[in-house]
Structures are given as structure tokens and as C-alpha cells.
Amino acid sequence: MNSIIETHAHIYADKFQEDLDETIERAKEIGVEKILMPNIDSESIDVMMEVAQKFPDYCMPMMGLHPCSVKGDFEKELYKVEDWLNKGDFVAVGEMGIDLYWDKSFEEQQKEAFRIQVALAKAKKLPIVIHSRDANPVVIDLLKELQDGELKGVLHCFSGTLEEANEIVALGMHLGVGGIATFKNGGLDKVLPHISIDKLVLETDCPYLAPVPFRGKRNEPAFLQYMVAKLSHYQEKTEEDIKLQTTINAKRLFSI
């Protein structure tokens, strides 16, 4: 059985507090080799690092500032991000990005936080992990502005058009395939058959966005097998081929 890399899991979230060990065991049983953990903001760092220390070289942390946590004091948050990047070992700068779904009042601050975190990623030679909600055109414009041939990363949990997907891939990014791929009206049936498998990585974004048949329930890394099955269908490749190539992609992208 080929291994799988879970590239985006909030496994440190409160919803896993009661059964974290069992959740990790279920992930290992289906072949999850590593779990990559995106940070949210300064309040999530300690608990994320505790999980990283409890499961060394298995639960691997990123460091970044989520766009929904970008407020008037975002510079202070980014100083903390930079400080942690200077003293810790992280696989990526993330999750960062643009979110215009809930609140557009901090859009300019989100753009500035995006630019700053890209600069940190370039300085550290790390990939970026991008959150984009109702913001793909803005993210594409920022990537066009900032891509100098050195920037790499993933637009996590991609949901968008084929045109947007092609632009993002052309700008040096991978696409994260999550639970949305299994949704009947998720729209990815028009996208994933047409994207090269070497530009895709697997993720759950757990505890959010559980795939069919668990939609509405808590998501977890063991559910990656449903993303594998759906991607196998869309790409017309075997599930073992999907596991093998997405694992190669993730290891190369995150240098693991």
C-alpha cells in the first residue's frame, strides 16, 4: 500500500482533544505517512507545537497568519510569525492568504500580510500554503506580482474554475484536493480531470469540510481515502497511482 501525505490538517483543534491518539492511529492504518499542520494565529501556536512535539516527524507544523485573523494589529501577529520562523523548524509559511467571504473591511491589510509572508517564505526558502475564499482573482493578481521564479506553494482546498486552476498552476502553485472534490455540486468535476496529477496534493482541512459520505461531520486524516478514490475517478488512474504521485509531489514541495 502506497503512503499518503496529509498536507493540511488542523489536527491540534479542540475537536480532536478527546481522541487525538486514536485519530492518529486511524490515519496510520490507511497509510498516512505524515500530517502537515497549518497555523492560524498566535493563539494556535502553543497547542500546535505541543502536537508536533508529541508526534515528532509525523505531525509537522507550518507557521503563518490566517487571513481571517488579519485585523488592525496584524503587524504584531506577523512579528510573532517571523520570530517563530527564525527559531523553529517549519515545513511552510501558512496558512496565509485572502478571505473575502465573511468580511471585506480588512482586504488591504490581508493583501499586505500576504506580501509580507511571501517575503518571509522566500527568505526562508519555504513554500507558501494559501487560503483563498471568494478571492481567487485577488490571489492570482498577488501571485503575478510576487512570483519571481523562486516562489512555490499550494492553494489549499481549491474550489474555483478550470481557468483559475490553470492560472494558479502556471504561476508555480500546486492545488490541494480536499473534501469539496467529493461534493455533488462542488464544481471540481469540471476541473480535476484536466489538471496534471503532478500539480496536485491531498488534504482534508480537518476538522472542516468532511467528504461524502461524512459531510457535516468532523473530518479527519483517515478520510483522505475518499479523496483518493474521487481523484482516481477524475484522473482515470488507479488509487495506488494517485497515492504515489501525490506523495511524491508533497515530499518535493515541502522538502520532507
C-alpha atoms as a PDB file:
ATOM      1  CA  MET A   1       0.000   0.000   0.000  1.00  0.00           C
ATOM      2  CA  ASN A   2       1.444   3.350  -1.033  1.00  0.00           C
ATOM      3  CA  SER A   3       1.656   6.029   1.634  1.00  0.00           C
ATOM      4  CA  ILE A   4      -0.278   9.308   1.646  1.00  0.00           C
ATOM      5  CA  ILE A   5       0.809  12.756   2.805  1.00  0.00           C
ATOM      6  CA  GLU A   6      -1.912  14.761   4.554  1.00  0.00           C
ATOM      7  CA  THR A   7      -0.886  18.281   3.547  1.00  0.00           C
ATOM      8  CA  HIS A   8      -3.400  20.339   5.551  1.00  0.00           C
ATOM      9  CA  ALA A   9      -4.899  19.251   8.870  1.00  0.00           C
ATOM     10  CA  HIS A  10      -5.830  21.257  11.958  1.00  0.00           C
ATOM     11  CA  ILE A  11      -5.231  18.126  13.993  1.00  0.00           C
ATOM     12  CA  TYR A  12      -4.489  20.268  17.052  1.00  0.00           C
ATOM     13  CA  ALA A  13      -8.029  21.712  17.103  1.00  0.00           C
ATOM     14  CA  ASP A  14     -10.268  21.339  20.163  1.00  0.00           C
ATOM     15  CA  LYS A  15     -12.432  18.823  18.287  1.00  0.00           C
ATOM     16  CA  PHE A  16      -9.562  16.292  18.481  1.00  0.00           C
ATOM     17  CA  GLN A  17      -8.751  16.876  22.131  1.00  0.00           C
ATOM     18  CA  GLU A  18     -10.586  13.774  23.377  1.00  0.00           C
ATOM     19  CA  ASP A  19      -9.326  11.243  20.824  1.00  0.00           C
ATOM     20  CA  LEU A  20      -6.163  12.593  19.190  1.00  0.00           C
ATOM     21  CA  ASP A  21      -4.185   9.367  19.663  1.00  0.00           C
ATOM     22  CA  GLU A  22      -6.965   7.286  18.118  1.00  0.00           C
ATOM     23  CA  THR A  23      -7.309   9.763  15.237  1.00  0.00           C
ATOM     24  CA  ILE A  24      -3.591   9.460  14.501  1.00  0.00           C
ATOM     25  CA  GLU A  25      -3.818   5.650  14.615  1.00  0.00           C
ATOM     26  CA  ARG A  26      -6.712   5.633  12.133  1.00  0.00           C
ATOM     27  CA  ALA A  27      -4.643   7.830   9.819  1.00  0.00           C
ATOM     28  CA  LYS A  28      -1.683   5.467  10.019  1.00  0.00           C
ATOM     29  CA  GLU A  29      -3.928   2.474   9.325  1.00  0.00           C
ATOM     30  CA  ILE A  30      -4.887   3.851   5.896  1.00  0.00           C
ATOM     31  CA  GLY A  31      -1.286   4.742   5.060  1.00  0.00           C
ATOM     32  CA  VAL A  32      -0.955   8.397   6.082  1.00  0.00           C
ATOM     33  CA  GLU A  33       2.804   8.841   6.382  1.00  0.00           C
ATOM     34  CA  LYS A  34       2.868  12.447   7.599  1.00  0.00           C
ATOM     35  CA  ILE A  35       0.378  15.118   8.669  1.00  0.00           C
ATOM     36  CA  LEU A  36       1.204  18.752   7.907  1.00  0.00           C
ATOM     37  CA  MET A  37      -0.366  21.296  10.269  1.00  0.00           C
ATOM     38  CA  PRO A  38      -1.146  24.881   9.190  1.00  0.00           C
ATOM     39  CA  ASN A  39      -1.065  27.584  11.847  1.00  0.00           C
ATOM     40  CA  ILE A  40      -3.890  30.102  12.341  1.00  0.00           C
ATOM     41  CA  ASP A  41      -2.502  32.913  14.533  1.00  0.00           C
ATOM     42  CA  SER A  42      -0.617  33.486  17.791  1.00  0.00           C
ATOM     43  CA  GLU A  43      -3.325  31.762  19.848  1.00  0.00           C
ATOM     44  CA  SER A  44      -2.960  28.454  17.970  1.00  0.00           C
ATOM     45  CA  ILE A  45       0.831  28.200  18.084  1.00  0.00           C
ATOM     46  CA  ASP A  46       1.308  26.617  21.518  1.00  0.00           C
ATOM     47  CA  VAL A  47      -1.231  23.820  21.043  1.00  0.00           C
ATOM     48  CA  MET A  48       0.035  23.117  17.520  1.00  0.00           C
ATOM     49  CA  MET A  49       3.622  22.882  18.747  1.00  0.00           C
ATOM     50  CA  GLU A  50       2.535  20.537  21.564  1.00  0.00           C
ATOM     51  CA  VAL A  51       1.095  18.146  18.973  1.00  0.00           C
ATOM     52  CA  ALA A  52       4.268  18.460  16.886  1.00  0.00           C
ATOM     53  CA  GLN A  53       6.356  17.540  19.952  1.00  0.00           C
ATOM     54  CA  LYS A  54       4.072  14.646  20.853  1.00  0.00           C
ATOM     55  CA  PHE A  55       4.288  13.176  17.346  1.00  0.00           C
ATOM     56  CA  PRO A  56       7.762  14.239  16.141  1.00  0.00           C
ATOM     57  CA  ASP A  57       8.444  13.901  12.422  1.00  0.00           C
ATOM     58  CA  TYR A  58       4.829  12.817  11.918  1.00  0.00           C
ATOM     59  CA  CYS A  59       2.743  15.912  12.721  1.00  0.00           C
ATOM     60  CA  MET A  60       4.790  18.657  11.084  1.00  0.00           C
ATOM     61  CA  PRO A  61       3.979  22.349  11.706  1.00  0.00           C
ATOM     62  CA  MET A  62       3.780  25.350   9.409  1.00  0.00           C
ATOM     63  CA  MET A  63       3.957  28.947  10.594  1.00  0.00           C
ATOM     64  CA  GLY A  64       1.750  31.734   9.286  1.00  0.00           C
ATOM     65  CA  LEU A  65      -1.183  34.071   9.830  1.00  0.00           C
ATOM     66  CA  HIS A  66      -4.618  33.069   8.532  1.00  0.00           C
ATOM     67  CA  PRO A  67      -6.369  35.879   6.623  1.00  0.00           C
ATOM     68  CA  CYS A  68      -9.401  35.740   8.943  1.00  0.00           C
ATOM     69  CA  SER A  69      -7.022  36.667  11.774  1.00  0.00           C
ATOM     70  CA  VAL A  70      -5.707  39.724   9.913  1.00  0.00           C
ATOM     71  CA  LYS A  71      -7.043  42.731  11.801  1.00  0.00           C
ATOM     72  CA  GLY A  72      -5.752  46.192  12.632  1.00  0.00           C
ATOM     73  CA  ASP A  73      -2.858  44.753  14.646  1.00  0.00           C
ATOM     74  CA  PHE A  74      -1.725  42.274  12.016  1.00  0.00           C
ATOM     75  CA  GLU A  75       1.850  43.581  12.057  1.00  0.00           C
ATOM     76  CA  LYS A  76       2.239  42.391  15.676  1.00  0.00           C
ATOM     77  CA  GLU A  77       0.980  38.952  14.650  1.00  0.00           C
ATOM     78  CA  LEU A  78       3.447  38.840  11.777  1.00  0.00           C
ATOM     79  CA  TYR A  79       6.354  39.732  14.071  1.00  0.00           C
ATOM     80  CA  LYS A  80       5.473  36.605  16.044  1.00  0.00           C
ATOM     81  CA  VAL A  81       5.308  34.559  12.842  1.00  0.00           C
ATOM     82  CA  GLU A  82       8.741  35.836  11.822  1.00  0.00           C
ATOM     83  CA  ASP A  83      10.167  35.143  15.282  1.00  0.00           C
ATOM     84  CA  TRP A  84       8.934  31.539  15.202  1.00  0.00           C
ATOM     85  CA  LEU A  85      10.238  31.038  11.660  1.00  0.00           C
ATOM     86  CA  ASN A  86      13.656  32.213  12.841  1.00  0.00           C
ATOM     87  CA  LYS A  87      13.819  29.837  15.797  1.00  0.00           C
ATOM     88  CA  GLY A  88      11.797  26.787  14.705  1.00  0.00           C
ATOM     89  CA  ASP A  89      11.711  24.120  12.023  1.00  0.00           C
ATOM     90  CA  PHE A  90       8.656  24.525   9.798  1.00  0.00           C
ATOM     91  CA  VAL A  91       7.622  22.933   6.508  1.00  0.00           C
ATOM     92  CA  ALA A  92       5.876  26.013   5.069  1.00  0.00           C
ATOM     93  CA  VAL A  93       4.651  29.540   5.656  1.00  0.00           C
ATOM     94  CA  GLY A  94       0.944  29.116   6.197  1.00  0.00           C
ATOM     95  CA  GLU A  95      -1.773  29.161   6.261  1.00  0.00           C
ATOM     96  CA  MET A  96      -1.924  32.623   4.770  1.00  0.00           C
ATOM     97  CA  GLY A  97      -3.993  34.157   2.020  1.00  0.00           C
ATOM     98  CA  ILE A  98      -7.121  36.152   1.276  1.00  0.00           C
ATOM     99  CA  ASP A  99     -10.641  35.581   2.639  1.00  0.00           C
ATOM    100  CA  LEU A 100     -13.388  37.921   1.447  1.00  0.00           C
ATOM    101  CA  TYR A 101     -16.302  35.654   2.398  1.00  0.00           C
ATOM    102  CA  TRP A 102     -17.005  36.921   5.915  1.00  0.00           C
ATOM    103  CA  ASP A 103     -15.576  40.418   5.924  1.00  0.00           C
ATOM    104  CA  LYS A 104     -14.048  42.628   3.243  1.00  0.00           C
ATOM    105  CA  SER A 105     -13.127  45.510   5.559  1.00  0.00           C
ATOM    106  CA  PHE A 106      -9.538  44.278   6.025  1.00  0.00           C
ATOM    107  CA  GLU A 107      -8.882  43.404   2.374  1.00  0.00           C
ATOM    108  CA  GLU A 108      -5.927  45.795   2.028  1.00  0.00           C
ATOM    109  CA  GLN A 109      -4.413  44.531   5.289  1.00  0.00           C
ATOM    110  CA  GLN A 110      -4.841  40.952   4.055  1.00  0.00           C
ATOM    111  CA  LYS A 111      -3.000  41.839   0.845  1.00  0.00           C
ATOM    112  CA  GLU A 112      -0.160  43.415   2.828  1.00  0.00           C
ATOM    113  CA  ALA A 113       0.023  40.391   5.153  1.00  0.00           C
ATOM    114  CA  PHE A 114       0.148  38.188   2.032  1.00  0.00           C
ATOM    115  CA  ARG A 115       3.090  40.159   0.620  1.00  0.00           C
ATOM    116  CA  ILE A 116       4.973  40.101   3.926  1.00  0.00           C
ATOM    117  CA  GLN A 117       4.528  36.355   4.355  1.00  0.00           C
ATOM    118  CA  VAL A 118       5.647  35.702   0.786  1.00  0.00           C
ATOM    119  CA  ALA A 119       8.797  37.685   1.566  1.00  0.00           C
ATOM    120  CA  LEU A 120       9.357  35.557   4.676  1.00  0.00           C
ATOM    121  CA  ALA A 121       8.853  32.378   2.643  1.00  0.00           C
ATOM    122  CA  LYS A 122      11.367  33.491   0.026  1.00  0.00           C
ATOM    123  CA  ALA A 123      13.892  34.403   2.712  1.00  0.00           C
ATOM    124  CA  LYS A 124      13.490  31.001   4.364  1.00  0.00           C
ATOM    125  CA  LYS A 125      13.219  29.123   1.057  1.00  0.00           C
ATOM    126  CA  LEU A 126       9.879  27.674   2.177  1.00  0.00           C
ATOM    127  CA  PRO A 127       6.672  27.071   0.222  1.00  0.00           C
ATOM    128  CA  ILE A 128       3.527  29.040   0.989  1.00  0.00           C
ATOM    129  CA  VAL A 129       0.145  27.500   1.797  1.00  0.00           C
ATOM    130  CA  ILE A 130      -2.619  29.760   0.533  1.00  0.00           C
ATOM    131  CA  HIS A 131      -6.172  30.051   1.851  1.00  0.00           C
ATOM    132  CA  SER A 132      -8.457  31.625  -0.755  1.00  0.00           C
ATOM    133  CA  ARG A 133     -12.171  32.091  -0.168  1.00  0.00           C
ATOM    134  CA  ASP A 134     -14.177  34.260  -2.557  1.00  0.00           C
ATOM    135  CA  ALA A 135     -10.786  35.649  -3.527  1.00  0.00           C
ATOM    136  CA  ASN A 136      -9.195  33.637  -6.349  1.00  0.00           C
ATOM    137  CA  PRO A 137      -8.857  36.670  -8.698  1.00  0.00           C
ATOM    138  CA  VAL A 138      -7.165  38.677  -5.930  1.00  0.00           C
ATOM    139  CA  VAL A 139      -4.819  35.799  -5.102  1.00  0.00           C
ATOM    140  CA  ILE A 140      -3.937  35.336  -8.773  1.00  0.00           C
ATOM    141  CA  ASP A 141      -3.098  39.038  -9.096  1.00  0.00           C
ATOM    142  CA  LEU A 142      -0.879  38.862  -5.998  1.00  0.00           C
ATOM    143  CA  LEU A 143       0.913  35.785  -7.309  1.00  0.00           C
ATOM    144  CA  LYS A 144       1.526  37.524 -10.635  1.00  0.00           C
ATOM    145  CA  GLU A 145       3.001  40.450  -8.704  1.00  0.00           C
ATOM    146  CA  LEU A 146       5.193  38.356  -6.409  1.00  0.00           C
ATOM    147  CA  GLN A 147       6.265  35.353  -8.479  1.00  0.00           C
ATOM    148  CA  ASP A 148       9.920  35.807  -9.381  1.00  0.00           C
ATOM    149  CA  GLY A 149      10.679  32.191 -10.174  1.00  0.00           C
ATOM    150  CA  GLU A 150      11.539  31.423  -6.546  1.00  0.00           C
ATOM    151  CA  LEU A 151       8.049  31.144  -5.086  1.00  0.00           C
ATOM    152  CA  LYS A 152       6.367  27.767  -4.707  1.00  0.00           C
ATOM    153  CA  GLY A 153       3.389  26.544  -2.741  1.00  0.00           C
ATOM    154  CA  VAL A 154      -0.151  25.257  -2.783  1.00  0.00           C
ATOM    155  CA  LEU A 155      -3.563  26.827  -2.983  1.00  0.00           C
ATOM    156  CA  HIS A 156      -5.152  24.635  -0.367  1.00  0.00           C
ATOM    157  CA  CYS A 157      -8.630  23.155  -0.688  1.00  0.00           C
ATOM    158  CA  PHE A 158      -9.025  24.559  -4.175  1.00  0.00           C
ATOM    159  CA  SER A 159     -12.508  25.470  -5.319  1.00  0.00           C
ATOM    160  CA  GLY A 160     -12.754  27.508  -8.463  1.00  0.00           C
ATOM    161  CA  THR A 161     -12.957  27.375 -12.211  1.00  0.00           C
ATOM    162  CA  LEU A 162     -10.697  25.492 -14.609  1.00  0.00           C
ATOM    163  CA  GLU A 163      -9.425  28.831 -15.901  1.00  0.00           C
ATOM    164  CA  GLU A 164      -8.443  29.879 -12.351  1.00  0.00           C
ATOM    165  CA  ALA A 165      -6.863  26.496 -11.698  1.00  0.00           C
ATOM    166  CA  ASN A 166      -4.764  26.748 -14.857  1.00  0.00           C
ATOM    167  CA  GLU A 167      -3.626  30.278 -13.963  1.00  0.00           C
ATOM    168  CA  ILE A 168      -2.637  29.235 -10.445  1.00  0.00           C
ATOM    169  CA  VAL A 169      -0.709  26.206 -11.706  1.00  0.00           C
ATOM    170  CA  ALA A 170       1.003  28.352 -14.369  1.00  0.00           C
ATOM    171  CA  LEU A 171       2.111  30.657 -11.527  1.00  0.00           C
ATOM    172  CA  GLY A 172       4.040  27.799  -9.916  1.00  0.00           C
ATOM    173  CA  MET A 173       1.479  26.627  -7.399  1.00  0.00           C
ATOM    174  CA  HIS A 174       0.004  23.218  -6.646  1.00  0.00           C
ATOM    175  CA  LEU A 175      -3.677  22.656  -5.911  1.00  0.00           C
ATOM    176  CA  GLY A 176      -4.865  21.000  -2.703  1.00  0.00           C
ATOM    177  CA  VAL A 177      -7.569  18.384  -3.279  1.00  0.00           C
ATOM    178  CA  GLY A 178      -9.925  18.095  -0.308  1.00  0.00           C
ATOM    179  CA  GLY A 179     -13.467  17.137   0.574  1.00  0.00           C
ATOM    180  CA  ILE A 180     -15.002  19.563  -1.908  1.00  0.00           C
ATOM    181  CA  ALA A 181     -13.867  17.155  -4.641  1.00  0.00           C
ATOM    182  CA  THR A 182     -16.483  14.679  -3.373  1.00  0.00           C
ATOM    183  CA  PHE A 183     -19.386  17.158  -3.244  1.00  0.00           C
ATOM    184  CA  LYS A 184     -22.041  16.665  -5.892  1.00  0.00           C
ATOM    185  CA  ASN A 185     -22.148  20.383  -6.704  1.00  0.00           C
ATOM    186  CA  GLY A 186     -18.577  21.189  -5.738  1.00  0.00           C
ATOM    187  CA  GLY A 187     -17.684  22.021  -9.339  1.00  0.00           C
ATOM    188  CA  LEU A 188     -14.376  20.150  -9.337  1.00  0.00           C
ATOM    189  CA  ASP A 189     -15.696  17.570 -11.795  1.00  0.00           C
ATOM    190  CA  LYS A 190     -15.007  20.274 -14.393  1.00  0.00           C
ATOM    191  CA  VAL A 191     -11.500  20.947 -13.084  1.00  0.00           C
ATOM    192  CA  LEU A 192      -9.674  17.903 -11.735  1.00  0.00           C
ATOM    193  CA  PRO A 193      -9.831  15.749 -14.888  1.00  0.00           C
ATOM    194  CA  HIS A 194      -7.876  18.475 -16.705  1.00  0.00           C
ATOM    195  CA  ILE A 195      -5.068  19.264 -14.226  1.00  0.00           C
ATOM    196  CA  SER A 196      -1.811  17.325 -14.393  1.00  0.00           C
ATOM    197  CA  ILE A 197      -1.505  14.894 -11.490  1.00  0.00           C
ATOM    198  CA  ASP A 198       1.969  16.246 -10.712  1.00  0.00           C
ATOM    199  CA  LYS A 199       0.371  19.555  -9.666  1.00  0.00           C
ATOM    200  CA  LEU A 200      -1.994  18.047  -7.074  1.00  0.00           C
ATOM    201  CA  VAL A 201      -1.621  17.215  -3.379  1.00  0.00           C
ATOM    202  CA  LEU A 202      -4.088  15.638  -0.944  1.00  0.00           C
ATOM    203  CA  GLU A 203      -5.566  17.240   2.155  1.00  0.00           C
ATOM    204  CA  THR A 204      -8.580  17.178   4.451  1.00  0.00           C
ATOM    205  CA  ASP A 205      -8.551  20.640   6.106  1.00  0.00           C
ATOM    206  CA  CYS A 206      -9.877  18.702   9.092  1.00  0.00           C
ATOM    207  CA  PRO A 207     -11.904  19.113  11.208  1.00  0.00           C
ATOM    208  CA  TYR A 208     -13.673  21.023   8.406  1.00  0.00           C
ATOM    209  CA  LEU A 209     -15.089  20.005   5.010  1.00  0.00           C
ATOM    210  CA  ALA A 210     -15.605  16.297   5.594  1.00  0.00           C
ATOM    211  CA  PRO A 211     -16.073  14.383   2.333  1.00  0.00           C
ATOM    212  CA  VAL A 212     -19.134  12.476   1.233  1.00  0.00           C
ATOM    213  CA  PRO A 213     -20.363  10.246   2.932  1.00  0.00           C
ATOM    214  CA  PHE A 214     -19.392  12.101   6.142  1.00  0.00           C
ATOM    215  CA  ARG A 215     -20.451  15.590   5.078  1.00  0.00           C
ATOM    216  CA  GLY A 216     -21.454  17.670   8.091  1.00  0.00           C
ATOM    217  CA  LYS A 217     -19.456  15.514  10.499  1.00  0.00           C
ATOM    218  CA  ARG A 218     -15.938  16.036  11.844  1.00  0.00           C
ATOM    219  CA  ASN A 219     -13.325  15.497   9.181  1.00  0.00           C
ATOM    220  CA  GLU A 220     -10.071  13.643   9.934  1.00  0.00           C
ATOM    221  CA  PRO A 221      -6.941  12.475   8.051  1.00  0.00           C
ATOM    222  CA  ALA A 222      -8.215   8.893   7.654  1.00  0.00           C
ATOM    223  CA  PHE A 223     -10.891  10.271   5.311  1.00  0.00           C
ATOM    224  CA  LEU A 224      -8.192  11.001   2.729  1.00  0.00           C
ATOM    225  CA  GLN A 225      -9.059   7.643   1.218  1.00  0.00           C
ATOM    226  CA  TYR A 226     -12.281   9.204  -0.122  1.00  0.00           C
ATOM    227  CA  MET A 227     -10.326  11.988  -1.830  1.00  0.00           C
ATOM    228  CA  VAL A 228      -8.016   9.354  -3.309  1.00  0.00           C
ATOM    229  CA  ALA A 229     -10.979   7.435  -4.705  1.00  0.00           C
ATOM    230  CA  LYS A 230     -12.594  10.536  -6.225  1.00  0.00           C
ATOM    231  CA  LEU A 231      -9.332  11.772  -7.731  1.00  0.00           C
ATOM    232  CA  SER A 232      -8.718   8.301  -9.136  1.00  0.00           C
ATOM    233  CA  HIS A 233     -12.079   8.563 -10.894  1.00  0.00           C
ATOM    234  CA  TYR A 234     -11.439  12.053 -12.269  1.00  0.00           C
ATOM    235  CA  GLN A 235      -7.880  11.341 -13.408  1.00  0.00           C
ATOM    236  CA  GLU A 236      -8.673   7.843 -14.740  1.00  0.00           C
ATOM    237  CA  LYS A 237      -5.729   6.414 -12.805  1.00  0.00           C
ATOM    238  CA  THR A 238      -5.518   3.715 -10.155  1.00  0.00           C
ATOM    239  CA  GLU A 239      -5.775   4.685  -6.500  1.00  0.00           C
ATOM    240  CA  GLU A 240      -2.219   3.439  -5.990  1.00  0.00           C
ATOM    241  CA  ASP A 241      -1.018   5.737  -8.772  1.00  0.00           C
ATOM    242  CA  ILE A 242      -2.827   8.674  -7.144  1.00  0.00           C
ATOM    243  CA  LYS A 243      -1.233   7.933  -3.756  1.00  0.00           C
ATOM    244  CA  LEU A 244       2.213   7.508  -5.255  1.00  0.00           C
ATOM    245  CA  GLN A 245       2.246  10.674  -7.344  1.00  0.00           C
ATOM    246  CA  THR A 246       0.599  12.988  -4.784  1.00  0.00           C
ATOM    247  CA  THR A 247       3.058  11.730  -2.155  1.00  0.00           C
ATOM    248  CA  ILE A 248       5.991  12.462  -4.480  1.00  0.00           C
ATOM    249  CA  ASN A 249       4.511  15.921  -5.123  1.00  0.00           C
ATOM    250  CA  ALA A 250       4.085  16.685  -1.416  1.00  0.00           C
ATOM    251  CA  LYS A 251       7.549  15.468  -0.446  1.00  0.00           C
ATOM    252  CA  ARG A 252       9.129  17.551  -3.177  1.00  0.00           C
ATOM    253  CA  LEU A 253       7.066  20.658  -2.450  1.00  0.00           C
ATOM    254  CA  PHE A 254       7.558  20.611   1.329  1.00  0.00           C
ATOM    255  CA  SER A 255      11.089  19.137   1.284  1.00  0.00           C
ATOM    256  CA  ILE A 256      10.158  16.181   3.501  1.00  0.00           C
END
